[in-house]
Amino acid sequence: MVDKMLELDPNDKRHLFYEELKNLFFVLRSFPLELVDDEFLADFNTAFDELVRVINSAQKRYRQKQKTSPSLAFHV
């Protein structure tokens, strides 16, 4: 079962996000504390806010497509 869970679906590109998050984690883990000053935090927060904006925009487009194309809607 574990082997099955580790298989990547070539059509599922979400693994790319997880890889980038993993890279970010390792970079920040080795980041010297002296570099985490107010300027760094302001820049980081600005970049993070942009990332959240992109994600929210994608979700909004997806919801709009669901409203206009019932065939794309998820059915339980």
N, C-alpha and C. Protein backbone atom coordinates (compact mmCIF):
# COMPACT_ATOMS: atom_id res chain seq x y z
N MET A 1 0.82 -1.19 0.00
CA MET A 1 0.00 0.00 0.00
C MET A 1 0.87 1.26 0.00
N VAL A 2 1.97 1.24 0.75
CA VAL A 2 2.86 2.40 0.81
C VAL A 2 3.43 2.68 -0.57
N ASP A 3 3.85 1.64 -1.28
CA ASP A 3 4.39 1.84 -2.63
C ASP A 3 3.36 2.51 -3.53
N LYS A 4 2.11 2.12 -3.40
CA LYS A 4 1.04 2.72 -4.21
C LYS A 4 0.89 4.21 -3.88
N MET A 5 1.02 4.57 -2.61
CA MET A 5 0.86 5.96 -2.19
C MET A 5 2.02 6.82 -2.71
N LEU A 6 3.17 6.21 -2.93
CA LEU A 6 4.34 6.96 -3.38
C LEU A 6 4.36 7.17 -4.89
N GLU A 7 3.50 6.48 -5.62
CA GLU A 7 3.45 6.65 -7.07
C GLU A 7 2.86 8.01 -7.41
N LEU A 8 3.47 8.69 -8.38
CA LEU A 8 3.00 9.99 -8.81
C LEU A 8 2.13 9.85 -10.04
N ASP A 9 1.03 10.54 -10.01
CA ASP A 9 0.16 10.63 -11.18
C ASP A 9 0.77 11.68 -12.09
N PRO A 10 1.14 11.35 -13.32
CA PRO A 10 1.78 12.32 -14.20
C PRO A 10 0.89 13.52 -14.51
N ASN A 11 -0.42 13.38 -14.33
CA ASN A 11 -1.33 14.49 -14.58
C ASN A 11 -1.54 15.36 -13.35
N ASP A 12 -1.06 14.93 -12.20
CA ASP A 12 -1.23 15.67 -10.94
C ASP A 12 0.04 16.47 -10.68
N LYS A 13 -0.06 17.77 -10.89
CA LYS A 13 1.11 18.63 -10.76
C LYS A 13 1.28 19.20 -9.35
N ARG A 14 0.41 18.80 -8.42
CA ARG A 14 0.52 19.32 -7.06
C ARG A 14 1.82 18.94 -6.39
N HIS A 15 2.43 17.83 -6.79
CA HIS A 15 3.69 17.43 -6.18
C HIS A 15 4.76 18.50 -6.37
N LEU A 16 4.63 19.31 -7.43
CA LEU A 16 5.59 20.39 -7.66
C LEU A 16 5.54 21.41 -6.52
N PHE A 17 4.34 21.70 -6.02
CA PHE A 17 4.20 22.61 -4.89
C PHE A 17 4.86 22.04 -3.65
N TYR A 18 4.64 20.75 -3.41
CA TYR A 18 5.21 20.12 -2.23
C TYR A 18 6.74 20.12 -2.30
N GLU A 19 7.28 19.91 -3.49
CA GLU A 19 8.73 19.94 -3.65
C GLU A 19 9.27 21.34 -3.34
N GLU A 20 8.59 22.36 -3.82
CA GLU A 20 9.05 23.73 -3.55
C GLU A 20 8.91 24.08 -2.08
N LEU A 21 7.85 23.63 -1.44
CA LEU A 21 7.69 23.87 0.00
C LEU A 21 8.78 23.16 0.79
N LYS A 22 9.12 21.95 0.35
CA LYS A 22 10.20 21.21 1.01
C LYS A 22 11.52 21.97 0.86
N ASN A 23 11.79 22.46 -0.34
CA ASN A 23 13.01 23.24 -0.57
C ASN A 23 13.04 24.47 0.31
N LEU A 24 11.92 25.18 0.39
CA LEU A 24 11.83 26.36 1.25
C LEU A 24 12.09 26.00 2.71
N PHE A 25 11.52 24.91 3.16
CA PHE A 25 11.72 24.45 4.53
C PHE A 25 13.21 24.24 4.83
N PHE A 26 13.90 23.55 3.94
CA PHE A 26 15.31 23.26 4.19
C PHE A 26 16.18 24.51 4.12
N VAL A 27 15.84 25.43 3.22
CA VAL A 27 16.59 26.69 3.15
C VAL A 27 16.39 27.49 4.43
N LEU A 28 15.14 27.61 4.87
CA LEU A 28 14.87 28.39 6.08
C LEU A 28 15.45 27.73 7.33
N ARG A 29 15.49 26.41 7.33
CA ARG A 29 16.05 25.70 8.48
C ARG A 29 17.53 25.99 8.66
N SER A 30 18.22 26.20 7.57
CA SER A 30 19.66 26.49 7.65
C SER A 30 19.94 27.99 7.60
N PHE A 31 18.91 28.80 7.62
CA PHE A 31 19.04 30.25 7.52
C PHE A 31 19.59 30.82 8.83
N PRO A 32 20.66 31.60 8.77
CA PRO A 32 21.22 32.17 10.00
C PRO A 32 20.23 33.12 10.67
N LEU A 33 20.05 32.99 11.97
CA LEU A 33 19.11 33.84 12.69
C LEU A 33 19.42 35.33 12.56
N GLU A 34 20.69 35.66 12.39
CA GLU A 34 21.08 37.06 12.27
C GLU A 34 20.49 37.72 11.02
N LEU A 35 20.13 36.91 10.02
CA LEU A 35 19.57 37.45 8.79
C LEU A 35 18.07 37.73 8.90
N VAL A 36 17.44 37.22 9.95
CA VAL A 36 16.00 37.42 10.14
C VAL A 36 15.80 38.73 10.90
N ASP A 37 15.84 39.81 10.14
CA ASP A 37 15.62 41.13 10.72
C ASP A 37 14.30 41.69 10.19
N ASP A 38 13.99 42.92 10.56
CA ASP A 38 12.72 43.52 10.15
C ASP A 38 12.61 43.64 8.63
N GLU A 39 13.71 43.98 7.97
CA GLU A 39 13.68 44.11 6.50
C GLU A 39 13.40 42.76 5.84
N PHE A 40 14.08 41.71 6.33
CA PHE A 40 13.84 40.36 5.79
C PHE A 40 12.40 39.96 6.00
N LEU A 41 11.89 40.15 7.21
CA LEU A 41 10.50 39.76 7.50
C LEU A 41 9.52 40.53 6.64
N ALA A 42 9.76 41.82 6.42
CA ALA A 42 8.87 42.61 5.56
C ALA A 42 8.89 42.07 4.12
N ASP A 43 10.09 41.78 3.61
CA ASP A 43 10.20 41.22 2.26
C ASP A 43 9.55 39.85 2.16
N PHE A 44 9.78 39.02 3.17
CA PHE A 44 9.21 37.67 3.18
C PHE A 44 7.68 37.75 3.21
N ASN A 45 7.15 38.61 4.07
CA ASN A 45 5.69 38.75 4.16
C ASN A 45 5.09 39.27 2.87
N THR A 46 5.79 40.18 2.20
CA THR A 46 5.31 40.69 0.91
C THR A 46 5.25 39.55 -0.12
N ALA A 47 6.30 38.75 -0.17
CA ALA A 47 6.34 37.62 -1.10
C ALA A 47 5.27 36.59 -0.74
N PHE A 48 5.10 36.32 0.56
CA PHE A 48 4.09 35.35 0.98
C PHE A 48 2.69 35.85 0.65
N ASP A 49 2.45 37.14 0.85
CA ASP A 49 1.14 37.72 0.50
C ASP A 49 0.85 37.54 -0.99
N GLU A 50 1.87 37.70 -1.82
CA GLU A 50 1.70 37.51 -3.26
C GLU A 50 1.37 36.05 -3.57
N LEU A 51 2.04 35.12 -2.91
CA LEU A 51 1.75 33.70 -3.09
C LEU A 51 0.31 33.39 -2.72
N VAL A 52 -0.14 33.91 -1.60
CA VAL A 52 -1.53 33.70 -1.16
C VAL A 52 -2.50 34.32 -2.17
N ARG A 53 -2.15 35.48 -2.73
CA ARG A 53 -3.00 36.11 -3.73
C ARG A 53 -3.13 35.22 -4.96
N VAL A 54 -2.03 34.63 -5.41
CA VAL A 54 -2.05 33.75 -6.58
C VAL A 54 -2.92 32.52 -6.30
N ILE A 55 -2.77 31.94 -5.12
CA ILE A 55 -3.57 30.76 -4.76
C ILE A 55 -5.05 31.12 -4.69
N ASN A 56 -5.37 32.23 -4.05
CA ASN A 56 -6.77 32.65 -3.96
C ASN A 56 -7.35 32.94 -5.34
N SER A 57 -6.57 33.53 -6.21
CA SER A 57 -7.02 33.82 -7.57
C SER A 57 -7.32 32.53 -8.33
N ALA A 58 -6.47 31.54 -8.18
CA ALA A 58 -6.69 30.24 -8.84
C ALA A 58 -7.96 29.59 -8.30
N GLN A 59 -8.16 29.66 -6.99
CA GLN A 59 -9.38 29.08 -6.40
C GLN A 59 -10.62 29.79 -6.91
N LYS A 60 -10.55 31.11 -7.03
CA LYS A 60 -11.68 31.89 -7.52
C LYS A 60 -12.02 31.49 -8.96
N ARG A 61 -10.97 31.37 -9.81
CA ARG A 61 -11.20 30.95 -11.20
C ARG A 61 -11.83 29.57 -11.25
N TYR A 62 -11.38 28.67 -10.39
CA TYR A 62 -11.93 27.31 -10.34
C TYR A 62 -13.40 27.35 -9.95
N ARG A 63 -13.73 28.15 -8.92
CA ARG A 63 -15.14 28.25 -8.49
C ARG A 63 -16.00 28.83 -9.61
N GLN A 64 -15.48 29.81 -10.33
CA GLN A 64 -16.22 30.40 -11.44
C GLN A 64 -16.48 29.36 -12.54
N LYS A 65 -15.48 28.55 -12.84
CA LYS A 65 -15.66 27.50 -13.84
C LYS A 65 -16.71 26.49 -13.40
N GLN A 66 -16.73 26.18 -12.10
CA GLN A 66 -17.72 25.24 -11.59
C GLN A 66 -19.13 25.80 -11.76
N LYS A 67 -19.29 27.08 -11.54
CA LYS A 67 -20.61 27.71 -11.66
C LYS A 67 -21.10 27.72 -13.11
N THR A 68 -20.17 27.94 -14.05
CA THR A 68 -20.56 28.04 -15.45
C THR A 68 -20.57 26.71 -16.17
N SER A 69 -19.87 25.72 -15.65
CA SER A 69 -19.80 24.40 -16.29
C SER A 69 -20.15 23.33 -15.26
N PRO A 70 -21.42 22.99 -15.17
CA PRO A 70 -21.83 21.97 -14.18
C PRO A 70 -21.09 20.65 -14.33
N SER A 71 -20.60 20.35 -15.54
CA SER A 71 -19.89 19.07 -15.73
C SER A 71 -18.56 19.05 -15.00
N LEU A 72 -18.03 20.23 -14.62
CA LEU A 72 -16.77 20.28 -13.88
C LEU A 72 -16.97 20.17 -12.38
N ALA A 73 -18.22 20.30 -11.94
CA ALA A 73 -18.49 20.29 -10.50
C ALA A 73 -18.21 18.91 -9.91
N PHE A 74 -17.73 18.91 -8.69
CA PHE A 74 -17.45 17.67 -7.98
C PHE A 74 -18.75 17.12 -7.40
N HIS A 75 -19.07 15.89 -7.68
CA HIS A 75 -20.29 15.28 -7.16
C HIS A 75 -19.94 14.16 -6.22
N VAL A 76 -20.66 14.11 -5.11
CA VAL A 76 -20.44 13.06 -4.12
C VAL A 76 -21.48 11.97 -4.31
